[in-house]
C-alpha atoms as a PDB file:
ATOM      1  CA  MET A   1      26.946  27.405  55.738  1.00  0.00           C
ATOM      2  CA  GLN A   2      26.653  31.225  55.599  1.00  0.00           C
ATOM      3  CA  ASP A   3      24.376  32.786  53.289  1.00  0.00           C
ATOM      4  CA  LYS A   4      26.955  33.863  50.516  1.00  0.00           C
ATOM      5  CA  ASP A   5      28.146  30.381  50.243  1.00  0.00           C
ATOM      6  CA  MET A   6      24.868  28.088  50.015  1.00  0.00           C
ATOM      7  CA  ALA A   7      23.779  30.755  47.345  1.00  0.00           C
ATOM      8  CA  ALA A   8      26.951  30.613  45.633  1.00  0.00           C
ATOM      9  CA  MET A   9      26.780  26.521  46.026  1.00  0.00           C
ATOM     10  CA  LEU A  10      23.058  27.078  44.555  1.00  0.00           C
ATOM     11  CA  LYS A  11      23.431  28.982  41.092  1.00  0.00           C
ATOM     12  CA  GLN A  12      26.708  26.624  40.634  1.00  0.00           C
ATOM     13  CA  ILE A  13      24.820  22.918  40.799  1.00  0.00           C
ATOM     14  CA  ARG A  14      22.549  22.345  38.237  1.00  0.00           C
ATOM     15  CA  MET A  15      21.515  18.002  39.036  1.00  0.00           C
ATOM     16  CA  ILE A  16      20.168  17.182  42.264  1.00  0.00           C
ATOM     17  CA  ALA A  17      18.877  13.484  43.738  1.00  0.00           C
ATOM     18  CA  VAL A  18      15.233  13.568  45.418  1.00  0.00           C
ATOM     19  CA  VAL A  19      16.557  10.450  47.991  1.00  0.00           C
ATOM     20  CA  GLY A  20      13.051   9.515  49.168  1.00  0.00           C
ATOM     21  CA  ALA A  21      10.760  10.519  45.769  1.00  0.00           C
ATOM     22  CA  SER A  22       7.213  10.751  46.910  1.00  0.00           C
ATOM     23  CA  ASP A  23       4.609  10.037  44.248  1.00  0.00           C
ATOM     24  CA  ASN A  24       2.031  11.262  46.471  1.00  0.00           C
ATOM     25  CA  PRO A  25       1.227  15.435  45.536  1.00  0.00           C
ATOM     26  CA  SER A  26       0.784  16.133  49.294  1.00  0.00           C
ATOM     27  CA  ARG A  27       4.495  14.917  51.098  1.00  0.00           C
ATOM     28  CA  PRO A  28       7.255  16.924  50.951  1.00  0.00           C
ATOM     29  CA  SER A  29       9.667  15.610  48.840  1.00  0.00           C
ATOM     30  CA  TYR A  30       6.500  15.609  46.034  1.00  0.00           C
ATOM     31  CA  GLY A  31       6.581  19.747  46.577  1.00  0.00           C
ATOM     32  CA  VAL A  32      10.046  20.739  46.646  1.00  0.00           C
ATOM     33  CA  MET A  33      10.834  18.113  43.323  1.00  0.00           C
ATOM     34  CA  ALA A  34       8.789  19.916  41.888  1.00  0.00           C
ATOM     35  CA  TYR A  35       9.582  22.621  43.184  1.00  0.00           C
ATOM     36  CA  LEU A  36      12.834  22.881  42.100  1.00  0.00           C
ATOM     37  CA  GLN A  37      12.062  21.572  38.758  1.00  0.00           C
ATOM     38  CA  ARG A  38      10.419  24.816  38.245  1.00  0.00           C
ATOM     39  CA  GLN A  39      13.948  26.719  39.399  1.00  0.00           C
ATOM     40  CA  GLY A  40      15.286  24.703  36.312  1.00  0.00           C
ATOM     41  CA  TYR A  41      17.461  21.878  37.896  1.00  0.00           C
ATOM     42  CA  GLN A  42      17.076  18.631  36.743  1.00  0.00           C
ATOM     43  CA  VAL A  43      16.107  16.115  39.270  1.00  0.00           C
ATOM     44  CA  THR A  44      16.283  12.938  39.473  1.00  0.00           C
ATOM     45  CA  PRO A  45      13.855  11.206  42.173  1.00  0.00           C
ATOM     46  CA  VAL A  46      15.750   8.184  44.352  1.00  0.00           C
ATOM     47  CA  ASN A  47      12.716   5.810  45.524  1.00  0.00           C
ATOM     48  CA  PRO A  48      12.656   2.005  45.245  1.00  0.00           C
ATOM     49  CA  LYS A  49      10.013   1.450  46.048  1.00  0.00           C
ATOM     50  CA  LEU A  50       8.320   3.475  42.490  1.00  0.00           C
ATOM     51  CA  ALA A  51      12.016   2.484  40.321  1.00  0.00           C
ATOM     52  CA  GLY A  52      11.334   2.761  36.472  1.00  0.00           C
ATOM     53  CA  LYS A  53       8.138   4.278  37.226  1.00  0.00           C
ATOM     54  CA  GLN A  54       7.969   7.922  36.111  1.00  0.00           C
ATOM     55  CA  LEU A  55       7.638  10.865  39.082  1.00  0.00           C
ATOM     56  CA  LEU A  56       6.996  15.107  37.511  1.00  0.00           C
ATOM     57  CA  GLY A  57       7.945  13.892  34.028  1.00  0.00           C
ATOM     58  CA  GLU A  58      11.531  11.837  35.124  1.00  0.00           C
ATOM     59  CA  LYS A  59      12.768   8.405  35.261  1.00  0.00           C
ATOM     60  CA  VAL A  60      12.526   7.305  39.254  1.00  0.00           C
ATOM     61  CA  TYR A  61      15.734   5.075  40.234  1.00  0.00           C
ATOM     62  CA  ALA A  62      16.211   2.490  43.056  1.00  0.00           C
ATOM     63  CA  SER A  63      19.060   3.729  44.137  1.00  0.00           C
ATOM     64  CA  LEU A  64      21.501   6.333  43.962  1.00  0.00           C
ATOM     65  CA  ALA A  65      24.372   3.844  42.370  1.00  0.00           C
ATOM     66  CA  GLU A  66      21.635   3.356  39.529  1.00  0.00           C
ATOM     67  CA  ILE A  67      21.670   6.600  38.217  1.00  0.00           C
ATOM     68  CA  PRO A  68      23.609   6.811  34.516  1.00  0.00           C
ATOM     69  CA  HIS A  69      23.931  10.556  34.447  1.00  0.00           C
ATOM     70  CA  PRO A  70      26.501  12.452  37.385  1.00  0.00           C
ATOM     71  CA  ILE A  71      24.708  13.525  40.654  1.00  0.00           C
ATOM     72  CA  ASP A  72      25.511  17.798  42.011  1.00  0.00           C
ATOM     73  CA  MET A  73      23.665  17.677  45.304  1.00  0.00           C
ATOM     74  CA  VAL A  74      21.492  15.293  47.140  1.00  0.00           C
ATOM     75  CA  ASP A  75      18.664  16.086  48.906  1.00  0.00           C
ATOM     76  CA  VAL A  76      18.130  13.950  51.165  1.00  0.00           C
ATOM     77  CA  PHE A  77      13.986  12.972  52.336  1.00  0.00           C
ATOM     78  CA  ARG A  78      14.736  10.767  54.518  1.00  0.00           C
ATOM     79  CA  GLN A  79      15.151   9.400  58.611  1.00  0.00           C
ATOM     80  CA  SER A  80      17.745  10.297  60.265  1.00  0.00           C
ATOM     81  CA  GLU A  81      19.020   6.786  61.114  1.00  0.00           C
ATOM     82  CA  ALA A  82      19.162   6.686  57.027  1.00  0.00           C
ATOM     83  CA  ALA A  83      21.575   9.884  56.580  1.00  0.00           C
ATOM     84  CA  TYR A  84      24.935   8.171  57.137  1.00  0.00           C
ATOM     85  CA  GLU A  85      24.442   5.545  54.625  1.00  0.00           C
ATOM     86  CA  THR A  86      23.227   8.101  51.402  1.00  0.00           C
ATOM     87  CA  ALA A  87      25.740  10.227  52.413  1.00  0.00           C
ATOM     88  CA  GLN A  88      27.722   7.523  51.767  1.00  0.00           C
ATOM     89  CA  GLN A  89      25.970   6.829  48.858  1.00  0.00           C
ATOM     90  CA  ALA A  90      26.671  10.213  47.520  1.00  0.00           C
ATOM     91  CA  ILE A  91      31.050   9.931  47.836  1.00  0.00           C
ATOM     92  CA  ALA A  92      30.924   6.959  47.039  1.00  0.00           C
ATOM     93  CA  ILE A  93      28.770   8.578  43.639  1.00  0.00           C
ATOM     94  CA  GLY A  94      30.498  12.044  43.255  1.00  0.00           C
ATOM     95  CA  ALA A  95      28.679  14.743  44.385  1.00  0.00           C
ATOM     96  CA  ARG A  96      29.341  17.385  45.301  1.00  0.00           C
ATOM     97  CA  VAL A  97      26.337  18.161  48.298  1.00  0.00           C
ATOM     98  CA  LEU A  98      24.946  16.945  50.754  1.00  0.00           C
ATOM     99  CA  TRP A  99      21.011  18.374  52.158  1.00  0.00           C
ATOM    100  CA  LEU A 100      19.838  17.409  55.059  1.00  0.00           C
ATOM    101  CA  GLN A 101      15.396  17.992  55.216  1.00  0.00           C
ATOM    102  CA  LEU A 102      14.743  19.979  57.538  1.00  0.00           C
ATOM    103  CA  GLY A 103      13.998  17.055  60.321  1.00  0.00           C
ATOM    104  CA  VAL A 104      16.396  14.708  58.847  1.00  0.00           C
ATOM    105  CA  ILE A 105      19.672  15.302  61.337  1.00  0.00           C
ATOM    106  CA  ASN A 106      22.467  13.227  61.527  1.00  0.00           C
ATOM    107  CA  PRO A 107      25.800  14.449  62.849  1.00  0.00           C
ATOM    108  CA  GLN A 108      27.909  11.615  61.069  1.00  0.00           C
ATOM    109  CA  ALA A 109      26.383  11.492  57.871  1.00  0.00           C
ATOM    110  CA  VAL A 110      27.339  15.462  58.027  1.00  0.00           C
ATOM    111  CA  GLU A 111      30.958  14.401  59.223  1.00  0.00           C
ATOM    112  CA  LEU A 112      31.339  11.465  56.786  1.00  0.00           C
ATOM    113  CA  ALA A 113      30.754  14.229  54.336  1.00  0.00           C
ATOM    114  CA  GLU A 114      32.490  17.071  55.565  1.00  0.00           C
ATOM    115  CA  GLN A 115      35.639  15.056  55.948  1.00  0.00           C
ATOM    116  CA  ALA A 116      34.879  13.802  51.658  1.00  0.00           C
ATOM    117  CA  GLY A 117      34.869  17.126  50.980  1.00  0.00           C
ATOM    118  CA  LEU A 118      31.284  17.741  49.719  1.00  0.00           C
ATOM    119  CA  LYS A 119      29.168  20.854  50.851  1.00  0.00           C
ATOM    120  CA  VAL A 120      26.829  19.632  53.523  1.00  0.00           C
ATOM    121  CA  VAL A 121      23.303  21.569  54.727  1.00  0.00           C
ATOM    122  CA  ALA A 122      21.648  20.096  57.041  1.00  0.00           C
ATOM    123  CA  ASP A 123      18.478  21.146  58.534  1.00  0.00           C
ATOM    124  CA  ARG A 124      17.317  22.845  56.167  1.00  0.00           C
ATOM    125  CA  CYS A 125      14.927  23.588  53.370  1.00  0.00           C
ATOM    126  CA  PRO A 126      15.477  24.536  49.311  1.00  0.00           C
ATOM    127  CA  LYS A 127      12.391  25.579  48.605  1.00  0.00           C
ATOM    128  CA  ILE A 128      12.491  27.779  52.080  1.00  0.00           C
ATOM    129  CA  GLU A 129      16.629  28.137  50.982  1.00  0.00           C
ATOM    130  CA  ILE A 130      16.374  29.961  47.130  1.00  0.00           C
ATOM    131  CA  PRO A 131      13.589  32.513  47.913  1.00  0.00           C
ATOM    132  CA  ARG A 132      15.147  33.560  50.609  1.00  0.00           C
ATOM    133  CA  LEU A 133      18.453  33.793  49.282  1.00  0.00           C
ATOM    134  CA  GLY A 134      17.087  36.014  45.818  1.00  0.00           C
ATOM    135  CA  LEU A 135      17.047  32.857  44.079  1.00  0.00           C
ATOM    136  CA  ASN A 136      14.182  32.006  43.150  1.00  0.00           C
ATOM    137  CA  ARG A 137      13.072  32.150  38.817  1.00  0.00           C
ATOM    138  CA  GLU A 138       9.470  31.975  39.350  1.00  0.00           C
END
């Protein structure tokens, strides 16, 4: 995805689900979730082990399907093998963007999501891309 397209996409989305969210402040998913909140996004954490608890002031859900509100972007902090299943779930809930974090590499997940009409960003991090693109709101 070209920079101008990524910047436009990041300006349009509002609701982000972080799949693989952690309650450990030293984990990247925790820091990225907090950063996205500071950027003004509504962030919903997804982690079956933490379901029902609060994480950074937001209720944690066990799966994307359980989230009761629309999600624009699914940000994936899971092992590469799990990305295909997450892509299927992102399609099922009507997400517009699938974002695979740094190190999450799954060409089949990318192809599935793109064929379903989702925009896909792979092997990148929004906490890096937002300031690089000049979109930082802090």
